[in-house]
Full PDB file with SEQRES, HELIX, SHEET, SSBOND, CRYST1, ORIGX, SCALE, CONECT and MASTER records, all heavy atoms in Angstrom:
SEQRES   1 A   34  MET TRP ASP PHE VAL GLN GLU LYS LYS ARG GLN GLY LEU          
SEQRES   2 A   34  ILE ARG HIS VAL GLY PHE SER PHE HIS SER THR PRO GLU          
SEQRES   3 A   34  GLU LEU GLU GLN ILE LEU SER ALA                              
HELIX    1 AA1 TRP A    2  ARG A   10  1                                   9    
HELIX    2 AA2 PRO A   25  SER A   33  1                                   9    
CRYST1    1.000    1.000    1.000  90.00  90.00  90.00 P 1           1          
ORIGX1      1.000000  0.000000  0.000000        0.00000                         
ORIGX2      0.000000  1.000000  0.000000        0.00000                         
ORIGX3      0.000000  0.000000  1.000000        0.00000                         
SCALE1      1.000000  0.000000  0.000000        0.00000                         
SCALE2      0.000000  1.000000  0.000000        0.00000                         
SCALE3      0.000000  0.000000  1.000000        0.00000                         
ATOM      1  N   MET A   1     -73.329  32.738 -88.413  1.00  0.00           N  
ATOM      2  CA  MET A   1     -74.121  33.372 -87.366  1.00  0.00           C  
ATOM      3  C   MET A   1     -73.929  32.682 -86.024  1.00  0.00           C  
ATOM      4  O   MET A   1     -74.207  33.256 -84.972  1.00  0.00           O  
ATOM      5  CB  MET A   1     -75.597  33.362 -87.764  1.00  0.00           C  
ATOM      6  CG  MET A   1     -75.903  34.171 -89.011  1.00  0.00           C  
ATOM      7  SD  MET A   1     -75.379  35.903 -88.876  1.00  0.00           S  
ATOM      8  CE  MET A   1     -76.522  36.506 -87.632  1.00  0.00           C  
ATOM      9  N   TRP A   2     -73.447  31.444 -86.045  1.00  0.00           N  
ATOM     10  CA  TRP A   2     -73.206  30.705 -84.803  1.00  0.00           C  
ATOM     11  C   TRP A   2     -72.169  31.432 -83.943  1.00  0.00           C  
ATOM     12  O   TRP A   2     -72.368  31.603 -82.735  1.00  0.00           O  
ATOM     13  CB  TRP A   2     -72.728  29.291 -85.124  1.00  0.00           C  
ATOM     14  CG  TRP A   2     -73.613  28.555 -86.076  1.00  0.00           C  
ATOM     15  CD1 TRP A   2     -73.426  28.377 -87.413  1.00  0.00           C  
ATOM     16  CD2 TRP A   2     -74.856  27.916 -85.753  1.00  0.00           C  
ATOM     17  NE1 TRP A   2     -74.461  27.663 -87.948  1.00  0.00           N  
ATOM     18  CE2 TRP A   2     -75.352  27.359 -86.955  1.00  0.00           C  
ATOM     19  CE3 TRP A   2     -75.588  27.738 -84.585  1.00  0.00           C  
ATOM     20  CZ2 TRP A   2     -76.549  26.641 -87.021  1.00  0.00           C  
ATOM     21  CZ3 TRP A   2     -76.779  27.026 -84.632  1.00  0.00           C  
ATOM     22  CH2 TRP A   2     -77.252  26.498 -85.831  1.00  0.00           C  
ATOM     23  N   ASP A   3     -71.075  31.852 -84.571  1.00  0.00           N  
ATOM     24  CA  ASP A   3     -70.043  32.586 -83.825  1.00  0.00           C  
ATOM     25  C   ASP A   3     -70.513  33.989 -83.457  1.00  0.00           C  
ATOM     26  O   ASP A   3     -70.172  34.505 -82.388  1.00  0.00           O  
ATOM     27  CB  ASP A   3     -68.760  32.676 -84.656  1.00  0.00           C  
ATOM     28  CG  ASP A   3     -68.012  31.354 -84.704  1.00  0.00           C  
ATOM     29  OD1 ASP A   3     -68.375  30.440 -83.936  1.00  0.00           O  
ATOM     30  OD2 ASP A   3     -67.071  31.228 -85.515  1.00  0.00           O  
ATOM     31  N   PHE A   4     -71.308  34.594 -84.348  1.00  0.00           N  
ATOM     32  CA  PHE A   4     -71.784  35.955 -84.088  1.00  0.00           C  
ATOM     33  C   PHE A   4     -72.610  36.021 -82.808  1.00  0.00           C  
ATOM     34  O   PHE A   4     -72.396  36.902 -81.960  1.00  0.00           O  
ATOM     35  CB  PHE A   4     -72.611  36.467 -85.269  1.00  0.00           C  
ATOM     36  CG  PHE A   4     -73.306  37.772 -84.990  1.00  0.00           C  
ATOM     37  CD1 PHE A   4     -72.597  38.965 -84.986  1.00  0.00           C  
ATOM     38  CD2 PHE A   4     -74.667  37.807 -84.712  1.00  0.00           C  
ATOM     39  CE1 PHE A   4     -73.232  40.172 -84.720  1.00  0.00           C  
ATOM     40  CE2 PHE A   4     -75.307  39.001 -84.444  1.00  0.00           C  
ATOM     41  CZ  PHE A   4     -74.588  40.190 -84.443  1.00  0.00           C  
ATOM     42  N   VAL A   5     -73.546  35.080 -82.635  1.00  0.00           N  
ATOM     43  CA  VAL A   5     -74.410  35.137 -81.450  1.00  0.00           C  
ATOM     44  C   VAL A   5     -73.620  34.833 -80.184  1.00  0.00           C  
ATOM     45  O   VAL A   5     -73.924  35.362 -79.104  1.00  0.00           O  
ATOM     46  CB  VAL A   5     -75.632  34.201 -81.589  1.00  0.00           C  
ATOM     47  CG1 VAL A   5     -76.577  34.723 -82.662  1.00  0.00           C  
ATOM     48  CG2 VAL A   5     -75.213  32.764 -81.883  1.00  0.00           C  
ATOM     49  N   GLN A   6     -72.583  34.002 -80.295  1.00  0.00           N  
ATOM     50  CA  GLN A   6     -71.745  33.733 -79.130  1.00  0.00           C  
ATOM     51  C   GLN A   6     -70.939  34.978 -78.742  1.00  0.00           C  
ATOM     52  O   GLN A   6     -70.741  35.262 -77.554  1.00  0.00           O  
ATOM     53  CB  GLN A   6     -70.809  32.555 -79.409  1.00  0.00           C  
ATOM     54  CG  GLN A   6     -71.518  31.218 -79.562  1.00  0.00           C  
ATOM     55  CD  GLN A   6     -72.352  30.837 -78.353  1.00  0.00           C  
ATOM     56  OE1 GLN A   6     -71.940  31.027 -77.209  1.00  0.00           O  
ATOM     57  NE2 GLN A   6     -73.548  30.295 -78.596  1.00  0.00           N  
ATOM     58  N   GLU A   7     -70.506  35.725 -79.752  1.00  0.00           N  
ATOM     59  CA  GLU A   7     -69.798  36.969 -79.487  1.00  0.00           C  
ATOM     60  C   GLU A   7     -70.709  37.961 -78.763  1.00  0.00           C  
ATOM     61  O   GLU A   7     -70.301  38.612 -77.791  1.00  0.00           O  
ATOM     62  CB  GLU A   7     -69.309  37.571 -80.799  1.00  0.00           C  
ATOM     63  CG  GLU A   7     -68.631  38.928 -80.651  1.00  0.00           C  
ATOM     64  CD  GLU A   7     -68.357  39.584 -81.989  1.00  0.00           C  
ATOM     65  OE1 GLU A   7     -68.430  38.883 -83.033  1.00  0.00           O  
ATOM     66  OE2 GLU A   7     -68.096  40.800 -81.996  1.00  0.00           O  
ATOM     67  N   LYS A   8     -71.959  38.064 -79.217  1.00  0.00           N  
ATOM     68  CA  LYS A   8     -72.907  38.983 -78.586  1.00  0.00           C  
ATOM     69  C   LYS A   8     -73.264  38.528 -77.175  1.00  0.00           C  
ATOM     70  O   LYS A   8     -73.526  39.347 -76.290  1.00  0.00           O  
ATOM     71  CB  LYS A   8     -74.167  39.119 -79.441  1.00  0.00           C  
ATOM     72  CG  LYS A   8     -73.920  39.785 -80.781  1.00  0.00           C  
ATOM     73  CD  LYS A   8     -73.271  41.146 -80.600  1.00  0.00           C  
ATOM     74  CE  LYS A   8     -72.834  41.758 -81.908  1.00  0.00           C  
ATOM     75  NZ  LYS A   8     -72.128  43.055 -81.718  1.00  0.00           N  
ATOM     76  N   LYS A   9     -73.216  37.223 -76.961  1.00  0.00           N  
ATOM     77  CA  LYS A   9     -73.459  36.716 -75.614  1.00  0.00           C  
ATOM     78  C   LYS A   9     -72.316  37.116 -74.684  1.00  0.00           C  
ATOM     79  O   LYS A   9     -72.550  37.545 -73.536  1.00  0.00           O  
ATOM     80  CB  LYS A   9     -73.625  35.196 -75.642  1.00  0.00           C  
ATOM     81  CG  LYS A   9     -73.976  34.609 -74.284  1.00  0.00           C  
ATOM     82  CD  LYS A   9     -74.141  33.103 -74.348  1.00  0.00           C  
ATOM     83  CE  LYS A   9     -74.408  32.555 -72.945  1.00  0.00           C  
ATOM     84  NZ  LYS A   9     -74.492  31.082 -72.929  1.00  0.00           N  
ATOM     85  N   ARG A  10     -71.089  37.012 -75.170  1.00  0.00           N  
ATOM     86  CA  ARG A  10     -69.929  37.414 -74.359  1.00  0.00           C  
ATOM     87  C   ARG A  10     -69.974  38.903 -74.038  1.00  0.00           C  
ATOM     88  O   ARG A  10     -69.531  39.334 -72.969  1.00  0.00           O  
ATOM     89  CB  ARG A  10     -68.636  37.062 -75.090  1.00  0.00           C  
ATOM     90  CG  ARG A  10     -68.324  35.575 -75.127  1.00  0.00           C  
ATOM     91  CD  ARG A  10     -66.915  35.318 -75.629  1.00  0.00           C  
ATOM     92  NE  ARG A  10     -66.759  35.690 -77.020  1.00  0.00           N  
ATOM     93  CZ  ARG A  10     -66.985  34.871 -78.048  1.00  0.00           C  
ATOM     94  NH1 ARG A  10     -67.385  33.619 -77.821  1.00  0.00           N  
ATOM     95  NH2 ARG A  10     -66.811  35.280 -79.289  1.00  0.00           N  
ATOM     96  N   GLN A  11     -70.556  39.666 -74.939  1.00  0.00           N  
ATOM     97  CA  GLN A  11     -70.671  41.109 -74.736  1.00  0.00           C  
ATOM     98  C   GLN A  11     -71.841  41.485 -73.824  1.00  0.00           C  
ATOM     99  O   GLN A  11     -72.001  42.658 -73.491  1.00  0.00           O  
ATOM    100  CB  GLN A  11     -70.837  41.812 -76.087  1.00  0.00           C  
ATOM    101  CG  GLN A  11     -69.616  41.719 -76.986  1.00  0.00           C  
ATOM    102  CD  GLN A  11     -69.875  42.281 -78.381  1.00  0.00           C  
ATOM    103  OE1 GLN A  11     -70.969  42.753 -78.683  1.00  0.00           O  
ATOM    104  NE2 GLN A  11     -68.859  42.223 -79.244  1.00  0.00           N  
ATOM    105  N   GLY A  12     -72.634  40.504 -73.432  1.00  0.00           N  
ATOM    106  CA  GLY A  12     -73.768  40.767 -72.562  1.00  0.00           C  
ATOM    107  C   GLY A  12     -75.005  41.266 -73.282  1.00  0.00           C  
ATOM    108  O   GLY A  12     -75.985  41.672 -72.636  1.00  0.00           O  
ATOM    109  N   LEU A  13     -75.009  41.201 -74.617  1.00  0.00           N  
ATOM    110  CA  LEU A  13     -76.158  41.668 -75.386  1.00  0.00           C  
ATOM    111  C   LEU A  13     -77.192  40.565 -75.596  1.00  0.00           C  
ATOM    112  O   LEU A  13     -78.319  40.837 -76.004  1.00  0.00           O  
ATOM    113  CB  LEU A  13     -75.700  42.216 -76.742  1.00  0.00           C  
ATOM    114  CG  LEU A  13     -74.739  43.408 -76.654  1.00  0.00           C  
ATOM    115  CD1 LEU A  13     -74.277  43.832 -78.044  1.00  0.00           C  
ATOM    116  CD2 LEU A  13     -75.394  44.573 -75.923  1.00  0.00           C  
ATOM    117  N   ILE A  14     -76.790  39.338 -75.343  1.00  0.00           N  
ATOM    118  CA  ILE A  14     -77.690  38.185 -75.393  1.00  0.00           C  
ATOM    119  C   ILE A  14     -77.447  37.368 -74.128  1.00  0.00           C  
ATOM    120  O   ILE A  14     -76.303  37.093 -73.774  1.00  0.00           O  
ATOM    121  CB  ILE A  14     -77.421  37.308 -76.633  1.00  0.00           C  
ATOM    122  CG1 ILE A  14     -77.726  38.077 -77.933  1.00  0.00           C  
ATOM    123  CG2 ILE A  14     -78.261  36.035 -76.579  1.00  0.00           C  
ATOM    124  CD1 ILE A  14     -77.326  37.312 -79.193  1.00  0.00           C  
ATOM    125  N   ARG A  15     -78.519  36.973 -73.463  1.00  0.00           N  
ATOM    126  CA  ARG A  15     -78.383  36.127 -72.265  1.00  0.00           C  
ATOM    127  C   ARG A  15     -78.384  34.635 -72.636  1.00  0.00           C  
ATOM    128  O   ARG A  15     -77.593  33.860 -72.110  1.00  0.00           O  
ATOM    129  CB  ARG A  15     -79.524  36.429 -71.290  1.00  0.00           C  
ATOM    130  CG  ARG A  15     -79.505  37.860 -70.750  1.00  0.00           C  
ATOM    131  CD  ARG A  15     -78.357  38.085 -69.775  1.00  0.00           C  
ATOM    132  NE  ARG A  15     -78.230  39.472 -69.358  1.00  0.00           N  
ATOM    133  CZ  ARG A  15     -78.907  40.017 -68.345  1.00  0.00           C  
ATOM    134  NH1 ARG A  15     -79.779  39.298 -67.656  1.00  0.00           N  
ATOM    135  NH2 ARG A  15     -78.727  41.280 -68.042  1.00  0.00           N  
ATOM    136  N   HIS A  16     -79.319  34.242 -73.509  1.00  0.00           N  
ATOM    137  CA  HIS A  16     -79.439  32.828 -73.886  1.00  0.00           C  
ATOM    138  C   HIS A  16     -79.631  32.715 -75.396  1.00  0.00           C  
ATOM    139  O   HIS A  16     -80.442  33.436 -75.978  1.00  0.00           O  
ATOM    140  CB  HIS A  16     -80.617  32.170 -73.171  1.00  0.00           C  
ATOM    141  CG  HIS A  16     -80.523  32.232 -71.679  1.00  0.00           C  
ATOM    142  ND1 HIS A  16     -79.632  31.481 -70.950  1.00  0.00           N  
ATOM    143  CD2 HIS A  16     -81.209  32.989 -70.782  1.00  0.00           C  
ATOM    144  CE1 HIS A  16     -79.775  31.757 -69.660  1.00  0.00           C  
ATOM    145  NE2 HIS A  16     -80.718  32.671 -69.534  1.00  0.00           N  
ATOM    146  N   VAL A  17     -78.894  31.796 -76.011  1.00  0.00           N  
ATOM    147  CA  VAL A  17     -78.933  31.609 -77.458  1.00  0.00           C  
ATOM    148  C   VAL A  17     -79.540  30.244 -77.788  1.00  0.00           C  
ATOM    149  O   VAL A  17     -79.163  29.222 -77.193  1.00  0.00           O  
ATOM    150  CB  VAL A  17     -77.526  31.696 -78.073  1.00  0.00           C  
ATOM    151  CG1 VAL A  17     -77.583  31.446 -79.575  1.00  0.00           C  
ATOM    152  CG2 VAL A  17     -76.911  33.052 -77.789  1.00  0.00           C  
ATOM    153  N   GLY A  18     -80.454  30.230 -78.737  1.00  0.00           N  
ATOM    154  CA  GLY A  18     -81.037  28.974 -79.195  1.00  0.00           C  
ATOM    155  C   GLY A  18     -81.570  29.127 -80.602  1.00  0.00           C  
ATOM    156  O   GLY A  18     -81.202  30.069 -81.316  1.00  0.00           O  
ATOM    157  N   PHE A  19     -82.442  28.217 -81.001  1.00  0.00           N  
ATOM    158  CA  PHE A  19     -83.004  28.312 -82.346  1.00  0.00           C  
ATOM    159  C   PHE A  19     -84.389  27.686 -82.387  1.00  0.00           C  
ATOM    160  O   PHE A  19     -84.734  26.835 -81.562  1.00  0.00           O  
ATOM    161  CB  PHE A  19     -82.087  27.653 -83.383  1.00  0.00           C  
ATOM    162  CG  PHE A  19     -81.850  26.175 -83.188  1.00  0.00           C  
ATOM    163  CD1 PHE A  19     -82.667  25.227 -83.787  1.00  0.00           C  
ATOM    164  CD2 PHE A  19     -80.791  25.734 -82.399  1.00  0.00           C  
ATOM    165  CE1 PHE A  19     -82.438  23.864 -83.610  1.00  0.00           C  
ATOM    166  CE2 PHE A  19     -80.553  24.374 -82.214  1.00  0.00           C  
ATOM    167  CZ  PHE A  19     -81.384  23.437 -82.820  1.00  0.00           C  
ATOM    168  N   SER A  20     -85.177  28.145 -83.343  1.00  0.00           N  
ATOM    169  CA  SER A  20     -86.471  27.525 -83.608  1.00  0.00           C  
ATOM    170  C   SER A  20     -86.315  26.585 -84.790  1.00  0.00           C  
ATOM    171  O   SER A  20     -85.409  26.747 -85.622  1.00  0.00           O  
ATOM    172  CB  SER A  20     -87.546  28.579 -83.876  1.00  0.00           C  
ATOM    173  OG  SER A  20     -87.211  29.374 -85.000  1.00  0.00           O  
ATOM    174  N   PHE A  21     -87.222  25.614 -84.878  1.00  0.00           N  
ATOM    175  CA  PHE A  21     -86.980  24.507 -85.804  1.00  0.00           C  
ATOM    176  C   PHE A  21     -88.296  23.935 -86.308  1.00  0.00           C  
ATOM    177  O   PHE A  21     -89.210  23.670 -85.531  1.00  0.00           O  
ATOM    178  CB  PHE A  21     -86.177  23.422 -85.077  1.00  0.00           C  
ATOM    179  CG  PHE A  21     -85.804  22.238 -85.919  1.00  0.00           C  
ATOM    180  CD1 PHE A  21     -84.696  22.293 -86.757  1.00  0.00           C  
ATOM    181  CD2 PHE A  21     -86.539  21.064 -85.875  1.00  0.00           C  
ATOM    182  CE1 PHE A  21     -84.342  21.195 -87.528  1.00  0.00           C  
ATOM    183  CE2 PHE A  21     -86.196  19.972 -86.632  1.00  0.00           C  
ATOM    184  CZ  PHE A  21     -85.081  20.030 -87.463  1.00  0.00           C  
ATOM    185  N   HIS A  22     -88.381  23.743 -87.639  1.00  0.00           N  
ATOM    186  CA  HIS A  22     -89.538  23.092 -88.271  1.00  0.00           C  
ATOM    187  C   HIS A  22     -89.025  22.101 -89.315  1.00  0.00           C  
ATOM    188  O   HIS A  22     -89.056  22.379 -90.513  1.00  0.00           O  
ATOM    189  CB  HIS A  22     -90.440  24.113 -88.973  1.00  0.00           C  
ATOM    190  CG  HIS A  22     -91.240  24.992 -88.076  1.00  0.00           C  
ATOM    191  ND1 HIS A  22     -92.423  24.586 -87.494  1.00  0.00           N  
ATOM    192  CD2 HIS A  22     -91.047  26.261 -87.679  1.00  0.00           C  
ATOM    193  CE1 HIS A  22     -92.920  25.582 -86.776  1.00  0.00           C  
ATOM    194  NE2 HIS A  22     -92.097  26.605 -86.856  1.00  0.00           N  
ATOM    195  N   SER A  23     -88.537  20.976 -88.885  1.00  0.00           N  
ATOM    196  CA  SER A  23     -88.081  19.988 -89.865  1.00  0.00           C  
ATOM    197  C   SER A  23     -88.054  18.618 -89.200  1.00  0.00           C  
ATOM    198  O   SER A  23     -88.770  18.380 -88.230  1.00  0.00           O  
ATOM    199  CB  SER A  23     -86.718  20.384 -90.435  1.00  0.00           C  
ATOM    200  OG  SER A  23     -86.427  19.611 -91.588  1.00  0.00           O  
ATOM    201  N   THR A  24     -87.199  17.739 -89.675  1.00  0.00           N  
ATOM    202  CA  THR A  24     -87.207  16.353 -89.228  1.00  0.00           C  
ATOM    203  C   THR A  24     -86.348  16.141 -87.985  1.00  0.00           C  
ATOM    204  O   THR A  24     -85.391  16.897 -87.746  1.00  0.00           O  
ATOM    205  CB  THR A  24     -86.682  15.434 -90.336  1.00  0.00           C  
ATOM    206  OG1 THR A  24     -85.288  15.736 -90.564  1.00  0.00           O  
ATOM    207  CG2 THR A  24     -87.463  15.624 -91.628  1.00  0.00           C  
ATOM    208  N   PRO A  25     -86.647  15.109 -87.208  1.00  0.00           N  
ATOM    209  CA  PRO A  25     -85.797  14.810 -86.048  1.00  0.00           C  
ATOM    210  C   PRO A  25     -84.372  14.465 -86.447  1.00  0.00           C  
ATOM    211  O   PRO A  25     -83.427  14.757 -85.706  1.00  0.00           O  
ATOM    212  CB  PRO A  25     -86.507  13.622 -85.380  1.00  0.00           C  
ATOM    213  CG  PRO A  25     -87.446  13.084 -86.400  1.00  0.00           C  
ATOM    214  CD  PRO A  25     -87.820  14.219 -87.281  1.00  0.00           C  
ATOM    215  N   GLU A  26     -84.181  13.874 -87.615  1.00  0.00           N  
ATOM    216  CA  GLU A  26     -82.835  13.546 -88.073  1.00  0.00           C  
ATOM    217  C   GLU A  26     -82.012  14.818 -88.293  1.00  0.00           C  
ATOM    218  O   GLU A  26     -80.834  14.886 -87.935  1.00  0.00           O  
ATOM    219  CB  GLU A  26     -82.903  12.740 -89.379  1.00  0.00           C  
ATOM    220  CG  GLU A  26     -83.475  11.340 -89.233  1.00  0.00           C  
ATOM    221  CD  GLU A  26     -84.997  11.309 -89.145  1.00  0.00           C  
ATOM    222  OE1 GLU A  26     -85.650  12.344 -89.437  1.00  0.00           O  
ATOM    223  OE2 GLU A  26     -85.536  10.248 -88.782  1.00  0.00           O  
ATOM    224  N   GLU A  27     -82.649  15.833 -88.871  1.00  0.00           N  
ATOM    225  CA  GLU A  27     -81.940  17.085 -89.098  1.00  0.00           C  
ATOM    226  C   GLU A  27     -81.685  17.814 -87.780  1.00  0.00           C  
ATOM    227  O   GLU A  27     -80.635  18.440 -87.599  1.00  0.00           O  
ATOM    228  CB  GLU A  27     -82.736  17.971 -90.058  1.00  0.00           C  
ATOM    229  CG  GLU A  27     -81.929  19.123 -90.602  1.00  0.00           C  
ATOM    230  CD  GLU A  27     -82.613  19.833 -91.752  1.00  0.00           C  
ATOM    231  OE1 GLU A  27     -83.741  19.461 -92.131  1.00  0.00           O  
ATOM    232  OE2 GLU A  27     -81.998  20.786 -92.279  1.00  0.00           O  
ATOM    233  N   LEU A  28     -82.631  17.725 -86.855  1.00  0.00           N  
ATOM    234  CA  LEU A  28     -82.429  18.327 -85.539  1.00  0.00           C  
ATOM    235  C   LEU A  28     -81.239  17.675 -84.838  1.00  0.00           C  
ATOM    236  O   LEU A  28     -80.429  18.358 -84.195  1.00  0.00           O  
ATOM    237  CB  LEU A  28     -83.692  18.188 -84.693  1.00  0.00           C  
ATOM    238  CG  LEU A  28     -83.635  18.783 -83.288  1.00  0.00           C  
ATOM    239  CD1 LEU A  28     -83.330  20.276 -83.327  1.00  0.00           C  
ATOM    240  CD2 LEU A  28     -84.947  18.525 -82.546  1.00  0.00           C  
ATOM    241  N   GLU A  29     -81.126  16.366 -84.963  1.00  0.00           N  
ATOM    242  CA  GLU A  29     -79.992  15.636 -84.395  1.00  0.00           C  
ATOM    243  C   GLU A  29     -78.678  16.163 -84.961  1.00  0.00           C  
ATOM    244  O   GLU A  29     -77.706  16.386 -84.216  1.00  0.00           O  
ATOM    245  CB  GLU A  29     -80.140  14.147 -84.694  1.00  0.00           C  
ATOM    246  CG  GLU A  29     -79.003  13.271 -84.204  1.00  0.00           C  
ATOM    247  CD  GLU A  29     -79.009  13.091 -82.704  1.00  0.00           C  
ATOM    248  OE1 GLU A  29     -80.097  12.904 -82.113  1.00  0.00           O  
ATOM    249  OE2 GLU A  29     -77.909  13.155 -82.104  1.00  0.00           O  
ATOM    250  N   GLN A  30     -78.633  16.398 -86.261  1.00  0.00           N  
ATOM    251  CA  GLN A  30     -77.414  16.894 -86.894  1.00  0.00           C  
ATOM    252  C   GLN A  30     -77.035  18.283 -86.381  1.00  0.00           C  
ATOM    253  O   GLN A  30     -75.867  18.548 -86.079  1.00  0.00           O  
ATOM    254  CB  GLN A  30     -77.615  16.943 -88.415  1.00  0.00           C  
ATOM    255  CG  GLN A  30     -77.742  15.581 -89.070  1.00  0.00           C  
ATOM    256  CD  GLN A  30     -78.125  15.679 -90.538  1.00  0.00           C  
ATOM    257  OE1 GLN A  30     -78.276  16.772 -91.079  1.00  0.00           O  
ATOM    258  NE2 GLN A  30     -78.296  14.537 -91.189  1.00  0.00           N  
ATOM    259  N   ILE A  31     -78.033  19.150 -86.264  1.00  0.00           N  
ATOM    260  CA  ILE A  31     -77.750  20.521 -85.843  1.00  0.00           C  
ATOM    261  C   ILE A  31     -77.264  20.556 -84.397  1.00  0.00           C  
ATOM    262  O   ILE A  31     -76.287  21.236 -84.065  1.00  0.00           O  
ATOM    263  CB  ILE A  31     -78.996  21.410 -86.014  1.00  0.00           C  
ATOM    264  CG1 ILE A  31     -79.333  21.558 -87.500  1.00  0.00           C  
ATOM    265  CG2 ILE A  31     -78.785  22.780 -85.381  1.00  0.00           C  
ATOM    266  CD1 ILE A  31     -80.657  22.255 -87.771  1.00  0.00           C  
ATOM    267  N   LEU A  32     -77.936  19.814 -83.521  1.00  0.00           N  
ATOM    268  CA  LEU A  32     -77.542  19.820 -82.110  1.00  0.00           C  
ATOM    269  C   LEU A  32     -76.188  19.155 -81.893  1.00  0.00           C  
ATOM    270  O   LEU A  32     -75.443  19.544 -80.992  1.00  0.00           O  
ATOM    271  CB  LEU A  32     -78.621  19.144 -81.266  1.00  0.00           C  
ATOM    272  CG  LEU A  32     -79.907  19.944 -81.073  1.00  0.00           C  
ATOM    273  CD1 LEU A  32     -80.944  19.132 -80.318  1.00  0.00           C  
ATOM    274  CD2 LEU A  32     -79.634  21.265 -80.349  1.00  0.00           C  
ATOM    275  N   SER A  33     -75.876  18.165 -82.708  1.00  0.00           N  
ATOM    276  CA  SER A  33     -74.562  17.526 -82.608  1.00  0.00           C  
ATOM    277  C   SER A  33     -73.463  18.487 -83.075  1.00  0.00           C  
ATOM    278  O   SER A  33     -72.364  18.515 -82.508  1.00  0.00           O  
ATOM    279  CB  SER A  33     -74.525  16.250 -83.448  1.00  0.00           C  
ATOM    280  OG  SER A  33     -75.438  15.286 -82.936  1.00  0.00           O  
ATOM    281  N   ALA A  34     -73.773  19.285 -84.095  1.00  0.00           N  
ATOM    282  CA  ALA A  34     -72.785  20.226 -84.628  1.00  0.00           C  
ATOM    283  C   ALA A  34     -72.653  21.463 -83.756  1.00  0.00           C  
ATOM    284  O   ALA A  34     -71.596  22.109 -83.752  1.00  0.00           O  
ATOM    285  CB  ALA A  34     -73.170  20.630 -86.053  1.00  0.00           C  
TER     286      ALA A  34                                                      
MASTER        0    0    0    2    0    0    0    6  285    1    0    3          
END                                                                             
């Protein structure tokens, strides 16, 4: 889904892409680094 939302952004169907999160700071670090 990471590539999918970027594709939709290039198409102008999404202006800003992000995510919501309910877990540990260590896991958040991993996701943002990736």
